[in-house]
PDB file of N, CA and C in Angstrom:
ATOM      1  N   MET A   1     -31.403 -27.147 -84.884  1.00  0.00           N
ATOM      2  CA  MET A   1     -31.007 -28.098 -83.885  1.00  0.00           C
ATOM      3  C   MET A   1     -31.441 -27.596 -82.516  1.00  0.00           C
ATOM      4  N   HIS A   2     -31.897 -28.509 -81.668  1.00  0.00           N
ATOM      5  CA  HIS A   2     -32.430 -28.152 -80.350  1.00  0.00           C
ATOM      6  C   HIS A   2     -31.437 -28.607 -79.277  1.00  0.00           C
ATOM      7  N   ALA A   3     -31.091 -27.705 -78.374  1.00  0.00           N
ATOM      8  CA  ALA A   3     -30.144 -28.031 -77.302  1.00  0.00           C
ATOM      9  C   ALA A   3     -30.859 -27.989 -75.962  1.00  0.00           C
ATOM     10  N   GLY A   4     -30.413 -28.806 -75.029  1.00  0.00           N
ATOM     11  CA  GLY A   4     -30.992 -28.793 -73.686  1.00  0.00           C
ATOM     12  C   GLY A   4     -32.027 -29.875 -73.501  1.00  0.00           C
ATOM     13  N   TYR A   5     -32.781 -29.750 -72.426  1.00  0.00           N
ATOM     14  CA  TYR A   5     -33.776 -30.746 -72.063  1.00  0.00           C
ATOM     15  C   TYR A   5     -35.174 -30.221 -72.344  1.00  0.00           C
ATOM     16  N   SER A   6     -36.107 -31.144 -72.530  1.00  0.00           N
ATOM     17  CA  SER A   6     -37.502 -30.747 -72.617  1.00  0.00           C
ATOM     18  C   SER A   6     -37.993 -30.410 -71.210  1.00  0.00           C
ATOM     19  N   ALA A   7     -39.189 -29.873 -71.123  1.00  0.00           N
ATOM     20  CA  ALA A   7     -39.733 -29.475 -69.819  1.00  0.00           C
ATOM     21  C   ALA A   7     -39.879 -30.685 -68.889  1.00  0.00           C
ATOM     22  N   ILE A   8     -40.316 -31.796 -69.428  1.00  0.00           N
ATOM     23  CA  ILE A   8     -40.512 -32.991 -68.608  1.00  0.00           C
ATOM     24  C   ILE A   8     -39.167 -33.543 -68.149  1.00  0.00           C
ATOM     25  N   GLU A   9     -38.193 -33.605 -69.064  1.00  0.00           N
ATOM     26  CA  GLU A   9     -36.866 -34.095 -68.692  1.00  0.00           C
ATOM     27  C   GLU A   9     -36.202 -33.187 -67.665  1.00  0.00           C
ATOM     28  N   ALA A  10     -36.381 -31.865 -67.838  1.00  0.00           N
ATOM     29  CA  ALA A  10     -35.800 -30.916 -66.882  1.00  0.00           C
ATOM     30  C   ALA A  10     -36.441 -31.066 -65.511  1.00  0.00           C
ATOM     31  N   ALA A  11     -37.750 -31.259 -65.458  1.00  0.00           N
ATOM     32  CA  ALA A  11     -38.442 -31.440 -64.179  1.00  0.00           C
ATOM     33  C   ALA A  11     -37.987 -32.733 -63.505  1.00  0.00           C
ATOM     34  N   ASN A  12     -37.862 -33.794 -64.286  1.00  0.00           N
ATOM     35  CA  ASN A  12     -37.398 -35.067 -63.712  1.00  0.00           C
ATOM     36  C   ASN A  12     -35.955 -34.953 -63.238  1.00  0.00           C
ATOM     37  N   GLY A  13     -35.106 -34.269 -63.989  1.00  0.00           N
ATOM     38  CA  GLY A  13     -33.713 -34.091 -63.588  1.00  0.00           C
ATOM     39  C   GLY A  13     -33.588 -33.255 -62.322  1.00  0.00           C
ATOM     40  N   ALA A  14     -34.400 -32.203 -62.232  1.00  0.00           N
ATOM     41  CA  ALA A  14     -34.370 -31.359 -61.040  1.00  0.00           C
ATOM     42  C   ALA A  14     -34.827 -32.140 -59.812  1.00  0.00           C
ATOM     43  N   GLU A  15     -35.849 -32.940 -59.986  1.00  0.00           N
ATOM     44  CA  GLU A  15     -36.337 -33.760 -58.863  1.00  0.00           C
ATOM     45  C   GLU A  15     -35.284 -34.780 -58.445  1.00  0.00           C
ATOM     46  N   ALA A  16     -34.586 -35.354 -59.399  1.00  0.00           N
ATOM     47  CA  ALA A  16     -33.536 -36.321 -59.084  1.00  0.00           C
ATOM     48  C   ALA A  16     -32.381 -35.651 -58.345  1.00  0.00           C
ATOM     49  N   GLN A  17     -32.021 -34.436 -58.740  1.00  0.00           N
ATOM     50  CA  GLN A  17     -30.945 -33.720 -58.055  1.00  0.00           C
ATOM     51  C   GLN A  17     -31.349 -33.356 -56.630  1.00  0.00           C
ATOM     52  N   LEU A  18     -32.595 -32.927 -56.442  1.00  0.00           N
ATOM     53  CA  LEU A  18     -33.074 -32.616 -55.089  1.00  0.00           C
ATOM     54  C   LEU A  18     -33.088 -33.865 -54.211  1.00  0.00           C
ATOM     55  N   TYR A  19     -33.524 -34.992 -54.768  1.00  0.00           N
ATOM     56  CA  TYR A  19     -33.542 -36.245 -54.012  1.00  0.00           C
ATOM     57  C   TYR A  19     -32.131 -36.664 -53.637  1.00  0.00           C
ATOM     58  N   SER A  20     -31.191 -36.490 -54.549  1.00  0.00           N
ATOM     59  CA  SER A  20     -29.803 -36.844 -54.273  1.00  0.00           C
ATOM     60  C   SER A  20     -29.235 -35.974 -53.152  1.00  0.00           C
ATOM     61  N   ALA A  21     -29.500 -34.679 -53.198  1.00  0.00           N
ATOM     62  CA  ALA A  21     -29.013 -33.775 -52.148  1.00  0.00           C
ATOM     63  C   ALA A  21     -29.641 -34.131 -50.803  1.00  0.00           C
ATOM     64  N   LEU A  22     -30.925 -34.426 -50.794  1.00  0.00           N
ATOM     65  CA  LEU A  22     -31.615 -34.800 -49.557  1.00  0.00           C
ATOM     66  C   LEU A  22     -31.052 -36.111 -48.994  1.00  0.00           C
ATOM     67  N   ASN A  23     -30.767 -37.060 -49.880  1.00  0.00           N
ATOM     68  CA  ASN A  23     -30.208 -38.335 -49.451  1.00  0.00           C
ATOM     69  C   ASN A  23     -28.814 -38.142 -48.864  1.00  0.00           C
ATOM     70  N   GLN A  24     -27.989 -37.287 -49.458  1.00  0.00           N
ATOM     71  CA  GLN A  24     -26.654 -37.016 -48.924  1.00  0.00           C
ATOM     72  C   GLN A  24     -26.734 -36.360 -47.547  1.00  0.00           C
ATOM     73  N   GLN A  25     -27.651 -35.416 -47.381  1.00  0.00           N
ATOM     74  CA  GLN A  25     -27.801 -34.746 -46.088  1.00  0.00           C
ATOM     75  C   GLN A  25     -28.283 -35.721 -45.021  1.00  0.00           C
ATOM     76  N   ALA A  26     -29.226 -36.580 -45.361  1.00  0.00           N
ATOM     77  CA  ALA A  26     -29.723 -37.562 -44.400  1.00  0.00           C
ATOM     78  C   ALA A  26     -28.625 -38.547 -44.008  1.00  0.00           C
ATOM     79  N   SER A  27     -27.809 -38.926 -44.969  1.00  0.00           N
ATOM     80  CA  SER A  27     -26.702 -39.837 -44.678  1.00  0.00           C
ATOM     81  C   SER A  27     -25.688 -39.179 -43.742  1.00  0.00           C
ATOM     82  N   LEU A  28     -25.369 -37.932 -43.993  1.00  0.00           N
ATOM     83  CA  LEU A  28     -24.424 -37.218 -43.133  1.00  0.00           C
ATOM     84  C   LEU A  28     -24.980 -37.061 -41.723  1.00  0.00           C
ATOM     85  N   LEU A  29     -26.241 -36.714 -41.603  1.00  0.00           N
ATOM     86  CA  LEU A  29     -26.842 -36.565 -40.278  1.00  0.00           C
ATOM     87  C   LEU A  29     -26.906 -37.893 -39.535  1.00  0.00           C
ATOM     88  N   SER A  30     -27.124 -38.985 -40.242  1.00  0.00           N
ATOM     89  CA  SER A  30     -27.158 -40.281 -39.564  1.00  0.00           C
ATOM     90  C   SER A  30     -25.765 -40.661 -39.067  1.00  0.00           C
ATOM     91  N   HIS A  31     -24.719 -40.304 -39.807  1.00  0.00           N
ATOM     92  CA  HIS A  31     -23.361 -40.573 -39.339  1.00  0.00           C
ATOM     93  C   HIS A  31     -23.045 -39.720 -38.107  1.00  0.00           C
ATOM     94  N   PHE A  32     -23.469 -38.464 -38.109  1.00  0.00           N
ATOM     95  CA  PHE A  32     -23.269 -37.617 -36.928  1.00  0.00           C
ATOM     96  C   PHE A  32     -24.006 -38.187 -35.735  1.00  0.00           C
ATOM     97  N   ASP A  33     -25.205 -38.696 -35.967  1.00  0.00           N
ATOM     98  CA  ASP A  33     -26.011 -39.270 -34.890  1.00  0.00           C
ATOM     99  C   ASP A  33     -25.315 -40.483 -34.280  1.00  0.00           C
ATOM    100  N   CYS A  34     -24.801 -41.363 -35.114  1.00  0.00           N
ATOM    101  CA  CYS A  34     -24.088 -42.549 -34.612  1.00  0.00           C
ATOM    102  C   CYS A  34     -22.797 -42.146 -33.913  1.00  0.00           C
ATOM    103  N   PHE A  35     -22.087 -41.187 -34.467  1.00  0.00           N
ATOM    104  CA  PHE A  35     -20.844 -40.721 -33.867  1.00  0.00           C
ATOM    105  C   PHE A  35     -21.120 -40.149 -32.479  1.00  0.00           C
ATOM    106  N   THR A  36     -22.156 -39.329 -32.361  1.00  0.00           N
ATOM    107  CA  THR A  36     -22.520 -38.744 -31.072  1.00  0.00           C
ATOM    108  C   THR A  36     -22.972 -39.828 -30.103  1.00  0.00           C
ATOM    109  N   GLY A  37     -23.720 -40.796 -30.609  1.00  0.00           N
ATOM    110  CA  GLY A  37     -24.196 -41.878 -29.756  1.00  0.00           C
ATOM    111  C   GLY A  37     -23.083 -42.749 -29.217  1.00  0.00           C
ATOM    112  N   LEU A  38     -21.946 -42.778 -29.886  1.00  0.00           N
ATOM    113  CA  LEU A  38     -20.812 -43.561 -29.391  1.00  0.00           C
ATOM    114  C   LEU A  38     -19.838 -42.721 -28.578  1.00  0.00           C
ATOM    115  N   ILE A  39     -19.639 -41.478 -28.952  1.00  0.00           N
ATOM    116  CA  ILE A  39     -18.644 -40.631 -28.298  1.00  0.00           C
ATOM    117  C   ILE A  39     -19.125 -40.146 -26.928  1.00  0.00           C
ATOM    118  N   VAL A  40     -20.375 -39.766 -26.807  1.00  0.00           N
ATOM    119  CA  VAL A  40     -20.875 -39.227 -25.531  1.00  0.00           C
ATOM    120  C   VAL A  40     -20.760 -40.254 -24.408  1.00  0.00           C
ATOM    121  N   PRO A  41     -21.229 -41.497 -24.577  1.00  0.00           N
ATOM    122  CA  PRO A  41     -21.040 -42.471 -23.485  1.00  0.00           C
ATOM    123  C   PRO A  41     -19.566 -42.794 -23.227  1.00  0.00           C
ATOM    124  N   ALA A  42     -18.759 -42.823 -24.284  1.00  0.00           N
ATOM    125  CA  ALA A  42     -17.332 -43.104 -24.085  1.00  0.00           C
ATOM    126  C   ALA A  42     -16.679 -41.987 -23.280  1.00  0.00           C
ATOM    127  N   PHE A  43     -17.001 -40.751 -23.584  1.00  0.00           N
ATOM    128  CA  PHE A  43     -16.439 -39.621 -22.844  1.00  0.00           C
ATOM    129  C   PHE A  43     -16.940 -39.625 -21.404  1.00  0.00           C
ATOM    130  N   ALA A  44     -18.223 -39.937 -21.202  1.00  0.00           N
ATOM    131  CA  ALA A  44     -18.769 -39.993 -19.847  1.00  0.00           C
ATOM    132  C   ALA A  44     -18.089 -41.106 -19.048  1.00  0.00           C
ATOM    133  N   SER A  45     -17.817 -42.228 -19.683  1.00  0.00           N
ATOM    134  CA  SER A  45     -17.123 -43.328 -19.000  1.00  0.00           C
ATOM    135  C   SER A  45     -15.694 -42.930 -18.644  1.00  0.00           C
ATOM    136  N   LEU A  46     -15.039 -42.227 -19.538  1.00  0.00           N
ATOM    137  CA  LEU A  46     -13.684 -41.769 -19.266  1.00  0.00           C
ATOM    138  C   LEU A  46     -13.657 -40.808 -18.083  1.00  0.00           C
ATOM    139  N   VAL A  47     -14.583 -39.866 -18.045  1.00  0.00           N
ATOM    140  CA  VAL A  47     -14.656 -38.922 -16.926  1.00  0.00           C
ATOM    141  C   VAL A  47     -14.943 -39.671 -15.629  1.00  0.00           C
ATOM    142  N   LEU A  48     -15.853 -40.634 -15.665  1.00  0.00           N
ATOM    143  CA  LEU A  48     -16.171 -41.417 -14.481  1.00  0.00           C
ATOM    144  C   LEU A  48     -14.957 -42.222 -14.011  1.00  0.00           C
ATOM    145  N   ALA A  49     -14.242 -42.814 -14.947  1.00  0.00           N
ATOM    146  CA  ALA A  49     -13.064 -43.601 -14.584  1.00  0.00           C
ATOM    147  C   ALA A  49     -11.975 -42.726 -13.973  1.00  0.00           C
ATOM    148  N   LEU A  50     -11.839 -41.509 -14.440  1.00  0.00           N
ATOM    149  CA  LEU A  50     -10.810 -40.621 -13.902  1.00  0.00           C
ATOM    150  C   LEU A  50     -11.193 -39.994 -12.562  1.00  0.00           C
ATOM    151  N   THR A  51     -12.487 -39.919 -12.270  1.00  0.00           N
ATOM    152  CA  THR A  51     -12.911 -39.310 -11.013  1.00  0.00           C
ATOM    153  C   THR A  51     -13.015 -40.309  -9.866  1.00  0.00           C
ATOM    154  N   ILE A  52     -13.097 -41.598 -10.161  1.00  0.00           N
ATOM    155  CA  ILE A  52     -13.168 -42.598  -9.099  1.00  0.00           C
ATOM    156  C   ILE A  52     -11.795 -42.697  -8.442  1.00  0.00           C
ATOM    157  N   LYS A  53     -11.816 -42.715  -7.127  1.00  0.00           N
ATOM    158  CA  LYS A  53     -10.551 -42.820  -6.398  1.00  0.00           C
ATOM    159  C   LYS A  53      -9.943 -44.196  -6.600  1.00  0.00           C
ATOM    160  N   ASN A  54      -8.639 -44.240  -6.494  1.00  0.00           N
ATOM    161  CA  ASN A  54      -7.926 -45.508  -6.567  1.00  0.00           C
ATOM    162  C   ASN A  54      -8.015 -46.157  -5.190  1.00  0.00           C
ATOM    163  N   PHE A  55      -8.854 -47.177  -5.064  1.00  0.00           N
ATOM    164  CA  PHE A  55      -9.083 -47.800  -3.776  1.00  0.00           C
ATOM    165  C   PHE A  55      -7.890 -48.670  -3.385  1.00  0.00           C
ATOM    166  N   GLN A  56      -7.417 -48.496  -2.173  1.00  0.00           N
ATOM    167  CA  GLN A  56      -6.296 -49.261  -1.631  1.00  0.00           C
ATOM    168  C   GLN A  56      -6.818 -50.113  -0.472  1.00  0.00           C
ATOM    169  N   PRO A  57      -6.307 -51.301  -0.317  1.00  0.00           N
ATOM    170  CA  PRO A  57      -6.701 -52.084   0.852  1.00  0.00           C
ATOM    171  C   PRO A  57      -6.200 -51.384   2.120  1.00  0.00           C
ATOM    172  N   PRO A  58      -6.885 -51.544   3.263  1.00  0.00           N
ATOM    173  CA  PRO A  58      -6.535 -50.785   4.478  1.00  0.00           C
ATOM    174  C   PRO A  58      -5.191 -51.163   5.065  1.00  0.00           C
ATOM    175  N   GLY A  59      -4.650 -52.280   4.749  1.00  0.00           N
ATOM    176  CA  GLY A  59      -3.338 -52.683   5.311  1.00  0.00           C
ATOM    177  C   GLY A  59      -2.894 -53.977   4.680  1.00  0.00           C
ATOM    178  N   LYS A  60      -1.931 -54.598   5.328  1.00  0.00           N
ATOM    179  CA  LYS A  60      -1.480 -55.879   4.818  1.00  0.00           C
ATOM    180  C   LYS A  60      -2.544 -56.931   5.034  1.00  0.00           C
ATOM    181  N   PRO A  61      -2.712 -57.825   4.067  1.00  0.00           N
ATOM    182  CA  PRO A  61      -3.691 -58.900   4.298  1.00  0.00           C
ATOM    183  C   PRO A  61      -3.163 -59.874   5.356  1.00  0.00           C
ATOM    184  N   THR A  62      -4.067 -60.317   6.184  1.00  0.00           N
ATOM    185  CA  THR A  62      -3.681 -61.267   7.243  1.00  0.00           C
ATOM    186  C   THR A  62      -3.655 -62.677   6.656  1.00  0.00           C
ATOM    187  N   GLY A  63      -2.823 -63.526   7.237  1.00  0.00           N
ATOM    188  CA  GLY A  63      -2.730 -64.902   6.787  1.00  0.00           C
ATOM    189  C   GLY A  63      -3.959 -65.695   7.174  1.00  0.00           C
ATOM    190  N   ALA A  64      -4.368 -66.587   6.337  1.00  0.00           N
ATOM    191  CA  ALA A  64      -5.556 -67.385   6.604  1.00  0.00           C
ATOM    192  C   ALA A  64      -5.247 -68.587   7.475  1.00  0.00           C
ATOM    193  N   HIS A  65      -3.996 -69.044   7.501  1.00  0.00           N
ATOM    194  CA  HIS A  65      -3.671 -70.233   8.282  1.00  0.00           C
ATOM    195  C   HIS A  65      -2.650 -69.933   9.323  1.00  0.00           C
TER     196      HIS A  65
END
């Protein structure tokens, strides 16, 4: 009785496993890329919003009539 894979089946299986690992890594990196692309501008906007002074009108508004 013969156990295991033939040389061709083993080569195809190894290639499929490598492709699967590469696909998982590419998927993870694309999620990091999108996460960074959304978080960096949001953080920059938050810093900008916190550094802008709270503008107050110079005094009471005058009546128009």
